[in-house]
């Protein structure tokens, strides 16, 4: 099977339920943002993360694939048959536990900090910003048209990415610059 199909040459794409929509459709834009987020998270991994944080980030990347699949499936046809495409309350709880663990090992914040630091920390700060954009686009679809756990997950994920960025920079002894 070739990598290219030509299906999108007229500016359309198909959702999982078979619906054909323009490539600038709001739903396509939001799962595109989730895909971009996953790529930026991958960039952070490529820059080098401590093993314990890398394990978290790999799990997040798998979850982001599931979120993208669910967003591309407005009628929830995939969710019943593909278990790896599920995002549940337990997944949000896992993020919260990681946030508490990572943040608990950091010095307390006394002011806003500028995004940056070493390559991995800066990439995680960028991932946080892309995550917030994806969250805004999910809300833009209409909170009643998206599973509540997806929105909760993405909201917590931006907090985790912030904590991970701080942790990577702290462990690398890169000072945070206060605003």
Protein backbone atom coordinates (compact mmCIF):
# COMPACT_ATOMS: atom_id res chain seq x y z
CA UNK A 1 0.00 0.00 0.00
CA UNK A 2 1.52 3.35 -1.01
CA UNK A 3 2.06 6.10 1.51
CA UNK A 4 0.07 8.50 -0.64
CA UNK A 5 -3.51 7.89 -1.71
CA UNK A 6 -4.49 11.11 -3.49
CA UNK A 7 -7.78 11.16 -1.57
CA UNK A 8 -6.98 14.53 -0.03
CA UNK A 9 -5.92 16.19 -3.26
CA UNK A 10 -9.22 18.06 -3.41
CA UNK A 11 -8.90 19.41 0.12
CA UNK A 12 -11.06 16.85 1.88
CA UNK A 13 -10.48 13.98 4.27
CA UNK A 14 -12.56 11.25 5.84
CA UNK A 15 -13.34 10.90 9.53
CA UNK A 16 -13.44 7.42 11.13
CA UNK A 17 -17.19 7.23 10.60
CA UNK A 18 -16.74 7.71 6.85
CA UNK A 19 -17.95 11.31 6.77
CA UNK A 20 -16.02 13.41 4.26
CA UNK A 21 -15.11 16.87 5.55
CA UNK A 22 -12.87 19.72 4.37
CA UNK A 23 -9.34 19.55 5.74
CA UNK A 24 -9.94 22.83 7.57
CA UNK A 25 -12.92 21.37 9.46
CA UNK A 26 -12.78 22.16 13.20
CA UNK A 27 -12.59 18.46 14.10
CA UNK A 28 -9.68 17.89 11.72
CA UNK A 29 -7.93 20.98 13.12
CA UNK A 30 -8.23 19.72 16.69
CA UNK A 31 -6.90 16.24 16.02
CA UNK A 32 -4.17 17.92 13.98
CA UNK A 33 -3.24 19.92 17.08
CA UNK A 34 -3.15 16.70 19.09
CA UNK A 35 -0.87 15.18 16.43
CA UNK A 36 1.39 18.26 16.61
CA UNK A 37 1.43 17.94 20.40
CA UNK A 38 2.52 14.32 20.09
CA UNK A 39 5.33 15.34 17.72
CA UNK A 40 6.57 18.04 20.11
CA UNK A 41 6.48 15.54 22.98
CA UNK A 42 8.55 13.24 20.76
CA UNK A 43 10.99 16.10 20.24
CA UNK A 44 11.37 16.41 24.01
CA UNK A 45 12.08 12.68 24.21
CA UNK A 46 14.68 12.99 21.46
CA UNK A 47 16.39 15.77 23.44
CA UNK A 48 16.85 13.31 26.29
CA UNK A 49 14.72 12.68 29.35
CA UNK A 50 15.57 10.83 32.55
CA UNK A 51 14.25 7.24 32.38
CA UNK A 52 11.46 7.74 34.93
CA UNK A 53 10.12 10.79 33.09
CA UNK A 54 10.57 9.15 29.70
CA UNK A 55 8.30 6.29 30.77
CA UNK A 56 5.58 8.81 31.61
CA UNK A 57 6.03 10.60 28.31
CA UNK A 58 5.81 7.39 26.25
CA UNK A 59 2.51 6.59 27.99
CA UNK A 60 1.31 10.12 27.21
CA UNK A 61 2.21 9.68 23.54
CA UNK A 62 0.13 6.50 23.38
CA UNK A 63 -2.76 8.35 25.04
CA UNK A 64 -2.44 11.17 22.52
CA UNK A 65 -2.93 8.66 19.69
CA UNK A 66 -6.08 7.47 21.46
CA UNK A 67 -7.32 11.04 21.88
CA UNK A 68 -6.69 11.79 18.20
CA UNK A 69 -8.59 8.65 17.21
CA UNK A 70 -11.53 9.56 19.43
CA UNK A 71 -11.64 13.11 18.09
CA UNK A 72 -11.61 11.75 14.52
CA UNK A 73 -14.56 9.51 15.44
CA UNK A 74 -17.55 11.80 16.07
CA UNK A 75 -20.00 8.89 16.29
CA UNK A 76 -17.83 6.78 18.62
CA UNK A 77 -17.73 3.81 16.27
CA UNK A 78 -14.08 2.97 17.01
CA UNK A 79 -14.36 3.25 20.80
CA UNK A 80 -16.39 0.11 21.31
CA UNK A 81 -13.98 -2.15 19.45
CA UNK A 82 -10.52 -0.65 19.96
CA UNK A 83 -9.60 -0.72 23.63
CA UNK A 84 -6.32 1.13 23.17
CA UNK A 85 -8.34 4.11 21.91
CA UNK A 86 -10.04 4.60 25.28
CA UNK A 87 -9.39 7.46 27.68
CA UNK A 88 -11.01 6.99 31.08
CA UNK A 89 -11.09 8.61 34.51
CA UNK A 90 -8.24 6.31 35.57
CA UNK A 91 -6.03 7.86 32.87
CA UNK A 92 -6.75 11.33 34.26
CA UNK A 93 -6.00 9.99 37.75
CA UNK A 94 -2.67 8.63 36.52
CA UNK A 95 -1.74 12.10 35.24
CA UNK A 96 -2.71 13.66 38.56
CA UNK A 97 -0.53 11.18 40.47
CA UNK A 98 2.40 11.95 38.18
CA UNK A 99 1.88 15.70 38.58
CA UNK A 100 1.89 15.34 42.36
CA UNK A 101 5.03 13.19 42.29
CA UNK A 102 7.00 15.35 39.87
CA UNK A 103 5.90 18.69 41.33
CA UNK A 104 6.48 17.47 44.89
CA UNK A 105 10.18 17.02 44.14
CA UNK A 106 10.60 20.59 42.87
CA UNK A 107 11.21 23.86 44.68
CA UNK A 108 7.93 25.76 45.07
CA UNK A 109 7.09 28.40 42.46
CA UNK A 110 7.22 31.94 43.78
CA UNK A 111 6.42 33.70 40.50
CA UNK A 112 5.80 33.01 36.84
CA UNK A 113 8.79 31.60 34.97
CA UNK A 114 9.85 32.10 31.39
CA UNK A 115 9.53 28.98 29.21
CA UNK A 116 12.89 27.60 28.20
CA UNK A 117 15.83 25.90 29.81
CA UNK A 118 17.71 23.03 28.23
CA UNK A 119 16.56 21.41 24.96
CA UNK A 120 14.24 18.86 26.61
CA UNK A 121 12.80 21.38 29.06
CA UNK A 122 12.18 23.93 26.33
CA UNK A 123 10.50 21.29 24.16
CA UNK A 124 8.24 20.32 27.07
CA UNK A 125 7.31 23.99 27.57
CA UNK A 126 6.45 24.16 23.86
CA UNK A 127 4.41 20.97 24.22
CA UNK A 128 2.49 22.60 27.08
CA UNK A 129 1.61 25.57 24.86
CA UNK A 130 0.49 23.29 22.01
CA UNK A 131 -1.53 21.29 24.54
CA UNK A 132 -3.35 24.43 25.66
CA UNK A 133 -4.17 25.23 22.01
CA UNK A 134 -5.54 21.73 21.52
CA UNK A 135 -7.62 22.17 24.66
CA UNK A 136 -9.09 25.43 23.35
CA UNK A 137 -9.96 23.75 20.05
CA UNK A 138 -11.60 20.82 21.84
CA UNK A 139 -13.74 23.29 23.76
CA UNK A 140 -14.48 25.00 20.43
CA UNK A 141 -16.04 21.79 19.13
CA UNK A 142 -18.60 22.13 21.91
CA UNK A 143 -18.10 20.47 25.28
CA UNK A 144 -21.30 18.50 24.75
CA UNK A 145 -19.89 16.93 21.55
CA UNK A 146 -16.68 15.63 23.14
CA UNK A 147 -16.32 13.02 25.85
CA UNK A 148 -15.72 14.81 29.17
CA UNK A 149 -12.69 12.63 29.97
CA UNK A 150 -10.88 13.83 26.83
CA UNK A 151 -11.14 17.44 27.94
CA UNK A 152 -10.17 16.58 31.53
CA UNK A 153 -7.17 14.58 30.28
CA UNK A 154 -5.88 17.37 28.02
CA UNK A 155 -6.38 19.92 30.81
CA UNK A 156 -4.31 17.82 33.25
CA UNK A 157 -1.75 17.03 30.56
CA UNK A 158 -0.75 20.66 30.19
CA UNK A 159 -0.10 20.75 33.94
CA UNK A 160 1.99 17.59 33.72
CA UNK A 161 4.01 18.96 30.81
CA UNK A 162 4.75 22.10 32.84
CA UNK A 163 5.87 20.03 35.82
CA UNK A 164 7.99 17.81 33.56
CA UNK A 165 9.66 20.84 31.96
CA UNK A 166 10.52 22.22 35.39
CA UNK A 167 11.76 18.81 36.54
CA UNK A 168 14.00 18.25 33.53
CA UNK A 169 15.51 21.70 33.90
CA UNK A 170 15.93 21.28 37.67
CA UNK A 171 17.63 17.90 37.28
CA UNK A 172 19.91 19.41 34.63
CA UNK A 173 20.68 22.29 37.00
CA UNK A 174 19.30 24.83 34.55
CA UNK A 175 18.02 27.84 36.50
CA UNK A 176 14.46 29.01 35.99
CA UNK A 177 14.20 32.64 34.92
CA UNK A 178 11.46 34.49 36.76
CA UNK A 179 9.23 36.92 34.94
